[in-house]
């Protein structure tokens, strides 16, 4: 009952897909905003780094994160480095449009071992 009288000290929200333009993490106070800190994973597979990134977020909130890391994770709104290499340079395509996937869902018709006749 007493806990319900306390004001929240931290609010969290989850964004399912937060891609940064250069695919790097962002762990920073939000620009021109008081007491709002943002942690963006950077790329679609960044979730696996959450334990490490979480430690860095705590370090930043406690004021123990070094300036080198703060500079590394600073806001770069819409910027990509000159040497940026797109990790997915090929266009998005449907698997069903690729010739090697045609008839993949067709009945086995003797292709599977348990359909072979015994010698």
PDB file of N, CA and C in Angstrom:
ATOM      1  N   UNK A   1       0.820  -1.192   0.000  1.00  0.00           N
ATOM      2  CA  UNK A   1       0.000   0.000   0.000  1.00  0.00           C
ATOM      3  C   UNK A   1       0.866   1.257   0.000  1.00  0.00           C
ATOM      4  N   UNK A   2       1.940   1.255   0.773  1.00  0.00           N
ATOM      5  CA  UNK A   2       2.807   2.425   0.804  1.00  0.00           C
ATOM      6  C   UNK A   2       3.504   2.646  -0.530  1.00  0.00           C
ATOM      7  N   UNK A   3       3.812   1.560  -1.234  1.00  0.00           N
ATOM      8  CA  UNK A   3       4.481   1.702  -2.519  1.00  0.00           C
ATOM      9  C   UNK A   3       3.625   2.450  -3.530  1.00  0.00           C
ATOM     10  N   UNK A   4       2.313   2.332  -3.425  1.00  0.00           N
ATOM     11  CA  UNK A   4       1.445   3.022  -4.377  1.00  0.00           C
ATOM     12  C   UNK A   4       1.471   4.537  -4.177  1.00  0.00           C
ATOM     13  N   UNK A   5       1.932   5.005  -3.024  1.00  0.00           N
ATOM     14  CA  UNK A   5       2.010   6.440  -2.760  1.00  0.00           C
ATOM     15  C   UNK A   5       3.269   7.070  -3.340  1.00  0.00           C
ATOM     16  N   UNK A   6       4.259   6.249  -3.662  1.00  0.00           N
ATOM     17  CA  UNK A   6       5.514   6.767  -4.194  1.00  0.00           C
ATOM     18  C   UNK A   6       5.372   7.115  -5.669  1.00  0.00           C
ATOM     19  N   UNK A   7       6.047   8.184  -6.065  1.00  0.00           N
ATOM     20  CA  UNK A   7       6.065   8.534  -7.481  1.00  0.00           C
ATOM     21  C   UNK A   7       7.062   7.631  -8.199  1.00  0.00           C
ATOM     22  N   UNK A   8       6.805   7.309  -9.454  1.00  0.00           N
ATOM     23  CA  UNK A   8       7.769   6.463 -10.178  1.00  0.00           C
ATOM     24  C   UNK A   8       9.082   7.218 -10.401  1.00  0.00           C
ATOM     25  N   UNK A   9      10.176   6.501 -10.263  1.00  0.00           N
ATOM     26  CA  UNK A   9      11.482   7.122 -10.476  1.00  0.00           C
ATOM     27  C   UNK A   9      12.026   6.807 -11.856  1.00  0.00           C
ATOM     28  N   UNK A  10      11.494   5.784 -12.489  1.00  0.00           N
ATOM     29  CA  UNK A  10      11.958   5.437 -13.838  1.00  0.00           C
ATOM     30  C   UNK A  10      10.801   4.858 -14.631  1.00  0.00           C
ATOM     31  N   UNK A  11      10.670   5.305 -15.834  1.00  0.00           N
ATOM     32  CA  UNK A  11       9.677   4.757 -16.744  1.00  0.00           C
ATOM     33  C   UNK A  11      10.421   4.153 -17.920  1.00  0.00           C
ATOM     34  N   UNK A  12       9.950   3.021 -18.383  1.00  0.00           N
ATOM     35  CA  UNK A  12      10.604   2.387 -19.523  1.00  0.00           C
ATOM     36  C   UNK A  12       9.574   2.125 -20.605  1.00  0.00           C
ATOM     37  N   UNK A  13      10.036   2.081 -21.814  1.00  0.00           N
ATOM     38  CA  UNK A  13       9.187   1.738 -22.953  1.00  0.00           C
ATOM     39  C   UNK A  13      10.021   0.932 -23.925  1.00  0.00           C
ATOM     40  N   UNK A  14       9.368   0.058 -24.648  1.00  0.00           N
ATOM     41  CA  UNK A  14      10.069  -0.789 -25.607  1.00  0.00           C
ATOM     42  C   UNK A  14       9.632  -0.417 -27.015  1.00  0.00           C
ATOM     43  N   UNK A  15      10.616  -0.232 -27.876  1.00  0.00           N
ATOM     44  CA  UNK A  15      10.356   0.001 -29.283  1.00  0.00           C
ATOM     45  C   UNK A  15      10.813  -1.246 -30.024  1.00  0.00           C
ATOM     46  N   UNK A  16       9.914  -1.873 -30.734  1.00  0.00           N
ATOM     47  CA  UNK A  16      10.213  -3.168 -31.342  1.00  0.00           C
ATOM     48  C   UNK A  16      11.313  -3.095 -32.393  1.00  0.00           C
ATOM     49  N   UNK A  17      11.363  -2.037 -33.180  1.00  0.00           N
ATOM     50  CA  UNK A  17      12.333  -1.974 -34.267  1.00  0.00           C
ATOM     51  C   UNK A  17      12.914  -0.571 -34.332  1.00  0.00           C
ATOM     52  N   UNK A  18      14.040  -0.378 -33.700  1.00  0.00           N
ATOM     53  CA  UNK A  18      14.679   0.928 -33.693  1.00  0.00           C
ATOM     54  C   UNK A  18      15.977   0.902 -34.457  1.00  0.00           C
ATOM     55  N   UNK A  19      15.925   1.177 -35.734  1.00  0.00           N
ATOM     56  CA  UNK A  19      17.136   1.170 -36.550  1.00  0.00           C
ATOM     57  C   UNK A  19      17.762   2.554 -36.565  1.00  0.00           C
ATOM     58  N   UNK A  20      19.031   2.618 -36.257  1.00  0.00           N
ATOM     59  CA  UNK A  20      19.772   3.860 -36.399  1.00  0.00           C
ATOM     60  C   UNK A  20      20.315   3.922 -37.824  1.00  0.00           C
ATOM     61  N   UNK A  21      20.441   5.114 -38.405  1.00  0.00           N
ATOM     62  CA  UNK A  21      20.914   5.212 -39.792  1.00  0.00           C
ATOM     63  C   UNK A  21      22.258   4.534 -40.032  1.00  0.00           C
ATOM     64  N   UNK A  22      23.148   4.558 -39.040  1.00  0.00           N
ATOM     65  CA  UNK A  22      24.457   3.920 -39.221  1.00  0.00           C
ATOM     66  C   UNK A  22      24.538   2.570 -38.517  1.00  0.00           C
ATOM     67  N   UNK A  23      23.405   2.065 -38.022  1.00  0.00           N
ATOM     68  CA  UNK A  23      23.276   0.763 -37.366  1.00  0.00           C
ATOM     69  C   UNK A  23      24.077   0.650 -36.070  1.00  0.00           C
ATOM     70  N   UNK A  24      24.428   1.767 -35.442  1.00  0.00           N
ATOM     71  CA  UNK A  24      25.125   1.756 -34.155  1.00  0.00           C
ATOM     72  C   UNK A  24      24.145   2.022 -33.023  1.00  0.00           C
ATOM     73  N   UNK A  25      24.574   1.710 -31.811  1.00  0.00           N
ATOM     74  CA  UNK A  25      23.754   1.946 -30.631  1.00  0.00           C
ATOM     75  C   UNK A  25      23.667   3.439 -30.328  1.00  0.00           C
ATOM     76  N   UNK A  26      22.621   3.824 -29.619  1.00  0.00           N
ATOM     77  CA  UNK A  26      22.500   5.166 -29.069  1.00  0.00           C
ATOM     78  C   UNK A  26      22.112   5.001 -27.612  1.00  0.00           C
ATOM     79  N   UNK A  27      22.950   5.480 -26.740  1.00  0.00           N
ATOM     80  CA  UNK A  27      22.667   5.449 -25.305  1.00  0.00           C
ATOM     81  C   UNK A  27      22.980   6.852 -24.817  1.00  0.00           C
ATOM     82  N   UNK A  28      21.973   7.709 -24.806  1.00  0.00           N
ATOM     83  CA  UNK A  28      22.215   9.122 -24.554  1.00  0.00           C
ATOM     84  C   UNK A  28      21.016   9.775 -23.889  1.00  0.00           C
ATOM     85  N   UNK A  29      21.262  10.911 -23.235  1.00  0.00           N
ATOM     86  CA  UNK A  29      20.115  11.751 -22.884  1.00  0.00           C
ATOM     87  C   UNK A  29      19.501  12.277 -24.177  1.00  0.00           C
ATOM     88  N   UNK A  30      18.194  12.371 -24.220  1.00  0.00           N
ATOM     89  CA  UNK A  30      17.544  12.865 -25.429  1.00  0.00           C
ATOM     90  C   UNK A  30      17.821  14.357 -25.568  1.00  0.00           C
ATOM     91  N   UNK A  31      18.139  14.836 -26.786  1.00  0.00           N
ATOM     92  CA  UNK A  31      18.504  16.244 -26.965  1.00  0.00           C
ATOM     93  C   UNK A  31      17.421  17.211 -26.488  1.00  0.00           C
ATOM     94  N   UNK A  32      17.863  18.250 -25.810  1.00  0.00           N
ATOM     95  CA  UNK A  32      16.993  19.353 -25.357  1.00  0.00           C
ATOM     96  C   UNK A  32      15.833  18.888 -24.486  1.00  0.00           C
ATOM     97  N   UNK A  33      16.025  17.817 -23.740  1.00  0.00           N
ATOM     98  CA  UNK A  33      14.979  17.293 -22.867  1.00  0.00           C
ATOM     99  C   UNK A  33      15.591  16.944 -21.519  1.00  0.00           C
ATOM    100  N   UNK A  34      14.899  17.288 -20.449  1.00  0.00           N
ATOM    101  CA  UNK A  34      15.402  17.022 -19.112  1.00  0.00           C
ATOM    102  C   UNK A  34      14.930  15.646 -18.636  1.00  0.00           C
ATOM    103  N   UNK A  35      15.849  14.862 -18.105  1.00  0.00           N
ATOM    104  CA  UNK A  35      15.553  13.568 -17.478  1.00  0.00           C
ATOM    105  C   UNK A  35      14.935  12.532 -18.419  1.00  0.00           C
ATOM    106  N   UNK A  36      15.284  12.582 -19.692  1.00  0.00           N
ATOM    107  CA  UNK A  36      14.834  11.554 -20.630  1.00  0.00           C
ATOM    108  C   UNK A  36      16.065  10.931 -21.269  1.00  0.00           C
ATOM    109  N   UNK A  37      16.254   9.648 -21.010  1.00  0.00           N
ATOM    110  CA  UNK A  37      17.408   8.916 -21.539  1.00  0.00           C
ATOM    111  C   UNK A  37      16.902   7.856 -22.495  1.00  0.00           C
ATOM    112  N   UNK A  38      17.606   7.700 -23.597  1.00  0.00           N
ATOM    113  CA  UNK A  38      17.171   6.786 -24.644  1.00  0.00           C
ATOM    114  C   UNK A  38      18.260   5.759 -24.901  1.00  0.00           C
ATOM    115  N   UNK A  39      17.827   4.517 -25.072  1.00  0.00           N
ATOM    116  CA  UNK A  39      18.728   3.428 -25.422  1.00  0.00           C
ATOM    117  C   UNK A  39      18.165   2.783 -26.683  1.00  0.00           C
ATOM    118  N   UNK A  40      18.864   2.980 -27.804  1.00  0.00           N
ATOM    119  CA  UNK A  40      18.434   2.420 -29.082  1.00  0.00           C
ATOM    120  C   UNK A  40      19.419   1.332 -29.461  1.00  0.00           C
ATOM    121  N   UNK A  41      18.925   0.188 -29.818  1.00  0.00           N
ATOM    122  CA  UNK A  41      19.778  -0.968 -30.077  1.00  0.00           C
ATOM    123  C   UNK A  41      20.575  -0.806 -31.356  1.00  0.00           C
ATOM    124  N   UNK A  42      20.062  -0.157 -32.370  1.00  0.00           N
ATOM    125  CA  UNK A  42      20.874   0.128 -33.540  1.00  0.00           C
ATOM    126  C   UNK A  42      20.579  -0.715 -34.753  1.00  0.00           C
ATOM    127  N   UNK A  43      20.391  -1.995 -34.584  1.00  0.00           N
ATOM    128  CA  UNK A  43      20.095  -2.843 -35.734  1.00  0.00           C
ATOM    129  C   UNK A  43      19.143  -3.946 -35.291  1.00  0.00           C
ATOM    130  N   UNK A  44      18.596  -4.656 -36.245  1.00  0.00           N
ATOM    131  CA  UNK A  44      17.564  -5.647 -35.922  1.00  0.00           C
ATOM    132  C   UNK A  44      18.060  -6.812 -35.081  1.00  0.00           C
ATOM    133  N   UNK A  45      19.343  -7.059 -35.042  1.00  0.00           N
ATOM    134  CA  UNK A  45      19.847  -8.168 -34.235  1.00  0.00           C
ATOM    135  C   UNK A  45      20.571  -7.663 -32.989  1.00  0.00           C
ATOM    136  N   UNK A  46      20.393  -6.411 -32.638  1.00  0.00           N
ATOM    137  CA  UNK A  46      21.084  -5.835 -31.489  1.00  0.00           C
ATOM    138  C   UNK A  46      20.579  -6.325 -30.143  1.00  0.00           C
ATOM    139  N   UNK A  47      19.423  -7.007 -30.107  1.00  0.00           N
ATOM    140  CA  UNK A  47      18.865  -7.477 -28.844  1.00  0.00           C
ATOM    141  C   UNK A  47      19.839  -8.350 -28.072  1.00  0.00           C
ATOM    142  N   UNK A  48      20.722  -9.048 -28.772  1.00  0.00           N
ATOM    143  CA  UNK A  48      21.644  -9.957 -28.089  1.00  0.00           C
ATOM    144  C   UNK A  48      22.695  -9.208 -27.280  1.00  0.00           C
ATOM    145  N   UNK A  49      22.813  -7.906 -27.502  1.00  0.00           N
ATOM    146  CA  UNK A  49      23.766  -7.097 -26.753  1.00  0.00           C
ATOM    147  C   UNK A  49      23.128  -6.421 -25.538  1.00  0.00           C
ATOM    148  N   UNK A  50      21.854  -6.672 -25.275  1.00  0.00           N
ATOM    149  CA  UNK A  50      21.155  -5.982 -24.194  1.00  0.00           C
ATOM    150  C   UNK A  50      21.846  -6.083 -22.838  1.00  0.00           C
ATOM    151  N   UNK A  51      22.393  -7.239 -22.424  1.00  0.00           N
ATOM    152  CA  UNK A  51      23.069  -7.269 -21.122  1.00  0.00           C
ATOM    153  C   UNK A  51      24.249  -6.294 -21.041  1.00  0.00           C
ATOM    154  N   UNK A  52      25.039  -6.212 -22.085  1.00  0.00           N
ATOM    155  CA  UNK A  52      26.195  -5.309 -22.090  1.00  0.00           C
ATOM    156  C   UNK A  52      25.737  -3.858 -22.187  1.00  0.00           C
ATOM    157  N   UNK A  53      24.785  -3.601 -23.079  1.00  0.00           N
ATOM    158  CA  UNK A  53      24.290  -2.246 -23.264  1.00  0.00           C
ATOM    159  C   UNK A  53      23.574  -1.772 -22.001  1.00  0.00           C
ATOM    160  N   UNK A  54      22.880  -2.682 -21.323  1.00  0.00           N
ATOM    161  CA  UNK A  54      22.206  -2.327 -20.075  1.00  0.00           C
ATOM    162  C   UNK A  54      23.179  -1.863 -19.010  1.00  0.00           C
ATOM    163  N   UNK A  55      24.336  -2.513 -18.924  1.00  0.00           N
ATOM    164  CA  UNK A  55      25.358  -2.083 -17.965  1.00  0.00           C
ATOM    165  C   UNK A  55      25.853  -0.681 -18.297  1.00  0.00           C
ATOM    166  N   UNK A  56      26.006  -0.402 -19.581  1.00  0.00           N
ATOM    167  CA  UNK A  56      26.449   0.931 -19.993  1.00  0.00           C
ATOM    168  C   UNK A  56      25.388   1.978 -19.689  1.00  0.00           C
ATOM    169  N   UNK A  57      24.119   1.616 -19.848  1.00  0.00           N
ATOM    170  CA  UNK A  57      23.032   2.543 -19.542  1.00  0.00           C
ATOM    171  C   UNK A  57      23.037   2.888 -18.061  1.00  0.00           C
ATOM    172  N   UNK A  58      23.225   1.884 -17.217  1.00  0.00           N
ATOM    173  CA  UNK A  58      23.296   2.132 -15.773  1.00  0.00           C
ATOM    174  C   UNK A  58      24.486   3.033 -15.459  1.00  0.00           C
ATOM    175  N   UNK A  59      25.630   2.761 -16.096  1.00  0.00           N
ATOM    176  CA  UNK A  59      26.806   3.605 -15.892  1.00  0.00           C
ATOM    177  C   UNK A  59      26.551   5.048 -16.276  1.00  0.00           C
ATOM    178  N   UNK A  60      25.816   5.266 -17.362  1.00  0.00           N
ATOM    179  CA  UNK A  60      25.501   6.626 -17.782  1.00  0.00           C
ATOM    180  C   UNK A  60      24.564   7.301 -16.787  1.00  0.00           C
ATOM    181  N   UNK A  61      23.532   6.578 -16.336  1.00  0.00           N
ATOM    182  CA  UNK A  61      22.584   7.154 -15.382  1.00  0.00           C
ATOM    183  C   UNK A  61      23.253   7.504 -14.061  1.00  0.00           C
ATOM    184  N   UNK A  62      24.252   6.721 -13.673  1.00  0.00           N
ATOM    185  CA  UNK A  62      24.975   6.980 -12.428  1.00  0.00           C
ATOM    186  C   UNK A  62      26.122   7.969 -12.618  1.00  0.00           C
ATOM    187  N   UNK A  63      26.355   8.410 -13.849  1.00  0.00           N
ATOM    188  CA  UNK A  63      27.424   9.363 -14.119  1.00  0.00           C
ATOM    189  C   UNK A  63      28.808   8.743 -14.110  1.00  0.00           C
ATOM    190  N   UNK A  64      28.900   7.436 -14.302  1.00  0.00           N
ATOM    191  CA  UNK A  64      30.182   6.730 -14.255  1.00  0.00           C
ATOM    192  C   UNK A  64      30.682   6.313 -15.634  1.00  0.00           C
ATOM    193  N   UNK A  65      29.965   6.660 -16.681  1.00  0.00           N
ATOM    194  CA  UNK A  65      30.360   6.277 -18.028  1.00  0.00           C
ATOM    195  C   UNK A  65      31.356   7.299 -18.564  1.00  0.00           C
ATOM    196  N   UNK A  66      32.467   6.824 -19.076  1.00  0.00           N
ATOM    197  CA  UNK A  66      33.524   7.714 -19.549  1.00  0.00           C
ATOM    198  C   UNK A  66      33.118   8.548 -20.755  1.00  0.00           C
ATOM    199  N   UNK A  67      33.808   9.674 -20.933  1.00  0.00           N
ATOM    200  CA  UNK A  67      33.508  10.582 -22.041  1.00  0.00           C
ATOM    201  C   UNK A  67      33.708   9.914 -23.395  1.00  0.00           C
ATOM    202  N   UNK A  68      34.653   8.976 -23.473  1.00  0.00           N
ATOM    203  CA  UNK A  68      34.895   8.265 -24.732  1.00  0.00           C
ATOM    204  C   UNK A  68      33.631   7.542 -25.204  1.00  0.00           C
ATOM    205  N   UNK A  69      32.935   6.889 -24.254  1.00  0.00           N
ATOM    206  CA  UNK A  69      31.704   6.180 -24.612  1.00  0.00           C
ATOM    207  C   UNK A  69      30.578   7.158 -24.909  1.00  0.00           C
ATOM    208  N   UNK A  70      30.502   8.238 -24.146  1.00  0.00           N
ATOM    209  CA  UNK A  70      29.465   9.234 -24.409  1.00  0.00           C
ATOM    210  C   UNK A  70      29.626   9.823 -25.811  1.00  0.00           C
ATOM    211  N   UNK A  71      30.859  10.092 -26.218  1.00  0.00           N
ATOM    212  CA  UNK A  71      31.112  10.613 -27.565  1.00  0.00           C
ATOM    213  C   UNK A  71      30.782   9.569 -28.631  1.00  0.00           C
ATOM    214  N   UNK A  72      31.114   8.320 -28.340  1.00  0.00           N
ATOM    215  CA  UNK A  72      30.863   7.238 -29.300  1.00  0.00           C
ATOM    216  C   UNK A  72      29.373   7.068 -29.572  1.00  0.00           C
ATOM    217  N   UNK A  73      28.557   7.211 -28.520  1.00  0.00           N
ATOM    218  CA  UNK A  73      27.121   6.990 -28.644  1.00  0.00           C
ATOM    219  C   UNK A  73      26.319   8.276 -28.811  1.00  0.00           C
ATOM    220  N   UNK A  74      26.966   9.379 -29.169  1.00  0.00           N
ATOM    221  CA  UNK A  74      26.242  10.641 -29.282  1.00  0.00           C
ATOM    222  C   UNK A  74      25.229  10.598 -30.424  1.00  0.00           C
ATOM    223  N   UNK A  75      24.304  11.548 -30.394  1.00  0.00           N
ATOM    224  CA  UNK A  75      23.276  11.619 -31.428  1.00  0.00           C
ATOM    225  C   UNK A  75      23.897  12.037 -32.741  1.00  0.00           C
ATOM    226  N   UNK A  76      23.584  11.322 -33.766  1.00  0.00           N
ATOM    227  CA  UNK A  76      23.999  11.660 -35.130  1.00  0.00           C
ATOM    228  C   UNK A  76      22.734  11.627 -35.980  1.00  0.00           C
ATOM    229  N   UNK A  77      21.929  12.619 -35.833  1.00  0.00           N
ATOM    230  CA  UNK A  77      20.598  12.600 -36.429  1.00  0.00           C
ATOM    231  C   UNK A  77      20.660  12.544 -37.952  1.00  0.00           C
ATOM    232  N   UNK A  78      20.311  11.396 -38.502  1.00  0.00           N
ATOM    233  CA  UNK A  78      20.256  11.209 -39.941  1.00  0.00           C
ATOM    234  C   UNK A  78      21.596  11.100 -40.636  1.00  0.00           C
ATOM    235  N   UNK A  79      22.684  11.036 -39.893  1.00  0.00           N
ATOM    236  CA  UNK A  79      24.010  10.989 -40.509  1.00  0.00           C
ATOM    237  C   UNK A  79      24.492   9.554 -40.665  1.00  0.00           C
ATOM    238  N   UNK A  80      25.194   9.318 -41.749  1.00  0.00           N
ATOM    239  CA  UNK A  80      25.895   8.047 -41.951  1.00  0.00           C
ATOM    240  C   UNK A  80      27.355   8.369 -42.199  1.00  0.00           C
ATOM    241  N   UNK A  81      28.255   7.592 -41.627  1.00  0.00           N
ATOM    242  CA  UNK A  81      29.673   7.852 -41.890  1.00  0.00           C
ATOM    243  C   UNK A  81      30.007   7.650 -43.369  1.00  0.00           C
ATOM    244  N   UNK A  82      31.043   8.340 -43.830  1.00  0.00           N
ATOM    245  CA  UNK A  82      31.445   8.235 -45.239  1.00  0.00           C
ATOM    246  C   UNK A  82      31.806   6.807 -45.627  1.00  0.00           C
ATOM    247  N   UNK A  83      32.380   6.056 -44.700  1.00  0.00           N
ATOM    248  CA  UNK A  83      32.816   4.690 -44.998  1.00  0.00           C
ATOM    249  C   UNK A  83      31.753   3.649 -44.644  1.00  0.00           C
ATOM    250  N   UNK A  84      30.497   4.066 -44.496  1.00  0.00           N
ATOM    251  CA  UNK A  84      29.417   3.159 -44.113  1.00  0.00           C
ATOM    252  C   UNK A  84      29.187   2.117 -45.201  1.00  0.00           C
ATOM    253  N   UNK A  85      29.103   0.867 -44.794  1.00  0.00           N
ATOM    254  CA  UNK A  85      28.815  -0.222 -45.722  1.00  0.00           C
ATOM    255  C   UNK A  85      27.492  -0.852 -45.320  1.00  0.00           C
ATOM    256  N   UNK A  86      26.546  -0.846 -46.218  1.00  0.00           N
ATOM    257  CA  UNK A  86      25.233  -1.414 -45.946  1.00  0.00           C
ATOM    258  C   UNK A  86      25.372  -2.918 -45.751  1.00  0.00           C
ATOM    259  N   UNK A  87      24.936  -3.455 -44.592  1.00  0.00           N
ATOM    260  CA  UNK A  87      25.073  -4.895 -44.366  1.00  0.00           C
ATOM    261  C   UNK A  87      24.126  -5.724 -45.227  1.00  0.00           C
ATOM    262  N   UNK A  88      23.136  -5.088 -45.827  1.00  0.00           N
ATOM    263  CA  UNK A  88      22.172  -5.798 -46.671  1.00  0.00           C
ATOM    264  C   UNK A  88      22.086  -5.095 -48.029  1.00  0.00           C
ATOM    265  N   UNK A  89      23.124  -5.220 -48.865  1.00  0.00           N
ATOM    266  CA  UNK A  89      23.142  -4.454 -50.118  1.00  0.00           C
ATOM    267  C   UNK A  89      22.175  -4.957 -51.189  1.00  0.00           C
ATOM    268  N   UNK A  90      21.699  -6.181 -51.072  1.00  0.00           N
ATOM    269  CA  UNK A  90      20.791  -6.719 -52.083  1.00  0.00           C
ATOM    270  C   UNK A  90      19.361  -6.272 -51.806  1.00  0.00           C
ATOM    271  N   UNK A  91      18.547  -6.112 -52.827  1.00  0.00           N
ATOM    272  CA  UNK A  91      17.159  -5.700 -52.608  1.00  0.00           C
ATOM    273  C   UNK A  91      16.372  -6.790 -51.884  1.00  0.00           C
ATOM    274  N   UNK A  92      15.334  -6.378 -51.181  1.00  0.00           N
ATOM    275  CA  UNK A  92      14.463  -7.324 -50.484  1.00  0.00           C
ATOM    276  C   UNK A  92      13.629  -8.056 -51.525  1.00  0.00           C
ATOM    277  N   UNK A  93      13.598  -9.380 -51.425  1.00  0.00           N
ATOM    278  CA  UNK A  93      12.825 -10.198 -52.363  1.00  0.00           C
ATOM    279  C   UNK A  93      12.057 -11.260 -51.591  1.00  0.00           C
ATOM    280  N   UNK A  94      10.996 -11.734 -52.189  1.00  0.00           N
ATOM    281  CA  UNK A  94      10.235 -12.835 -51.614  1.00  0.00           C
ATOM    282  C   UNK A  94      10.914 -14.148 -51.984  1.00  0.00           C
ATOM    283  N   UNK A  95      11.013 -15.070 -51.045  1.00  0.00           N
ATOM    284  CA  UNK A  95      11.623 -16.364 -51.347  1.00  0.00           C
ATOM    285  C   UNK A  95      10.880 -17.091 -52.460  1.00  0.00           C
ATOM    286  N   UNK A  96       9.576 -16.910 -52.516  1.00  0.00           N
ATOM    287  CA  UNK A  96       8.794 -17.605 -53.549  1.00  0.00           C
ATOM    288  C   UNK A  96       9.127 -17.112 -54.957  1.00  0.00           C
ATOM    289  N   UNK A  97       9.757 -15.938 -55.063  1.00  0.00           N
ATOM    290  CA  UNK A  97      10.145 -15.417 -56.376  1.00  0.00           C
ATOM    291  C   UNK A  97      11.473 -15.986 -56.869  1.00  0.00           C
ATOM    292  N   UNK A  98      12.229 -16.630 -56.006  1.00  0.00           N
ATOM    293  CA  UNK A  98      13.530 -17.168 -56.393  1.00  0.00           C
ATOM    294  C   UNK A  98      13.349 -18.534 -57.045  1.00  0.00           C
ATOM    295  N   UNK A  99      14.074 -18.773 -58.123  1.00  0.00           N
ATOM    296  CA  UNK A  99      13.893 -20.016 -58.879  1.00  0.00           C
ATOM    297  C   UNK A  99      14.217 -21.256 -58.047  1.00  0.00           C
ATOM    298  N   UNK A 100      15.173 -21.169 -57.143  1.00  0.00           N
ATOM    299  CA  UNK A 100      15.545 -22.343 -56.345  1.00  0.00           C
ATOM    300  C   UNK A 100      14.474 -22.723 -55.324  1.00  0.00           C
ATOM    301  N   UNK A 101      13.484 -21.846 -55.106  1.00  0.00           N
ATOM    302  CA  UNK A 101      12.435 -22.141 -54.141  1.00  0.00           C
ATOM    303  C   UNK A 101      11.150 -22.616 -54.807  1.00  0.00           C
ATOM    304  N   UNK A 102      11.127 -22.681 -56.104  1.00  0.00           N
ATOM    305  CA  UNK A 102       9.906 -23.111 -56.793  1.00  0.00           C
ATOM    306  C   UNK A 102       9.597 -24.564 -56.438  1.00  0.00           C
ATOM    307  N   UNK A 103       8.343 -24.852 -56.219  1.00  0.00           N
ATOM    308  CA  UNK A 103       7.845 -26.195 -55.900  1.00  0.00           C
ATOM    309  C   UNK A 103       8.437 -26.763 -54.614  1.00  0.00           C
ATOM    310  N   UNK A 104       8.890 -25.919 -53.712  1.00  0.00           N
ATOM    311  CA  UNK A 104       9.435 -26.413 -52.442  1.00  0.00           C
ATOM    312  C   UNK A 104       8.344 -27.034 -51.575  1.00  0.00           C
ATOM    313  N   UNK A 105       7.120 -26.577 -51.742  1.00  0.00           N
ATOM    314  CA  UNK A 105       6.025 -27.100 -50.927  1.00  0.00           C
ATOM    315  C   UNK A 105       5.226 -28.173 -51.652  1.00  0.00           C
ATOM    316  N   UNK A 106       5.737 -28.643 -52.771  1.00  0.00           N
ATOM    317  CA  UNK A 106       5.049 -29.699 -53.515  1.00  0.00           C
ATOM    318  C   UNK A 106       5.127 -31.007 -52.726  1.00  0.00           C
ATOM    319  N   UNK A 107       4.177 -31.928 -52.945  1.00  0.00           N
ATOM    320  CA  UNK A 107       4.246 -33.218 -52.248  1.00  0.00           C
ATOM    321  C   UNK A 107       5.581 -33.908 -52.507  1.00  0.00           C
ATOM    322  N   UNK A 108       6.027 -34.675 -51.544  1.00  0.00           N
ATOM    323  CA  UNK A 108       7.363 -35.281 -51.604  1.00  0.00           C
ATOM    324  C   UNK A 108       7.544 -36.198 -52.806  1.00  0.00           C
ATOM    325  N   UNK A 109       6.578 -37.040 -53.103  1.00  0.00           N
ATOM    326  CA  UNK A 109       6.663 -37.912 -54.272  1.00  0.00           C
ATOM    327  C   UNK A 109       7.939 -38.722 -54.345  1.00  0.00           C
ATOM    328  N   UNK A 110       8.345 -39.334 -53.246  1.00  0.00           N
ATOM    329  CA  UNK A 110       9.531 -40.178 -53.258  1.00  0.00           C
ATOM    330  C   UNK A 110      10.828 -39.452 -52.933  1.00  0.00           C
ATOM    331  N   UNK A 111      10.755 -38.160 -52.611  1.00  0.00           N
ATOM    332  CA  UNK A 111      11.973 -37.411 -52.301  1.00  0.00           C
ATOM    333  C   UNK A 111      12.443 -37.637 -50.865  1.00  0.00           C
ATOM    334  N   UNK A 112      11.522 -37.992 -49.998  1.00  0.00           N
ATOM    335  CA  UNK A 112      11.865 -38.142 -48.588  1.00  0.00           C
ATOM    336  C   UNK A 112      12.214 -39.591 -48.272  1.00  0.00           C
ATOM    337  N   UNK A 113      13.178 -39.820 -47.383  1.00  0.00           N
ATOM    338  CA  UNK A 113      13.632 -41.190 -47.094  1.00  0.00           C
ATOM    339  C   UNK A 113      12.514 -42.135 -46.684  1.00  0.00           C
ATOM    340  N   UNK A 114      11.537 -41.668 -45.909  1.00  0.00           N
ATOM    341  CA  UNK A 114      10.501 -42.595 -45.444  1.00  0.00           C
ATOM    342  C   UNK A 114       9.495 -42.934 -46.547  1.00  0.00           C
ATOM    343  N   UNK A 115       9.624 -42.314 -47.722  1.00  0.00           N
ATOM    344  CA  UNK A 115       8.755 -42.687 -48.842  1.00  0.00           C
ATOM    345  C   UNK A 115       9.443 -43.652 -49.803  1.00  0.00           C
ATOM    346  N   UNK A 116      10.721 -43.916 -49.568  1.00  0.00           N
ATOM    347  CA  UNK A 116      11.445 -44.827 -50.459  1.00  0.00           C
ATOM    348  C   UNK A 116      10.973 -46.260 -50.202  1.00  0.00           C
ATOM    349  N   UNK A 117      10.927 -47.049 -51.235  1.00  0.00           N
ATOM    350  CA  UNK A 117      10.558 -48.458 -51.048  1.00  0.00           C
ATOM    351  C   UNK A 117      11.760 -49.209 -50.484  1.00  0.00           C
ATOM    352  N   UNK A 118      11.460 -50.217 -49.680  1.00  0.00           N
ATOM    353  CA  UNK A 118      12.548 -51.001 -49.069  1.00  0.00           C
ATOM    354  C   UNK A 118      13.080 -52.011 -50.065  1.00  0.00           C
ATOM    355  N   UNK A 119      14.359 -52.239 -50.037  1.00  0.00           N
ATOM    356  CA  UNK A 119      14.985 -53.226 -50.930  1.00  0.00           C
ATOM    357  C   UNK A 119      14.786 -54.616 -50.399  1.00  0.00           C
TER     358      UNK A 119
END
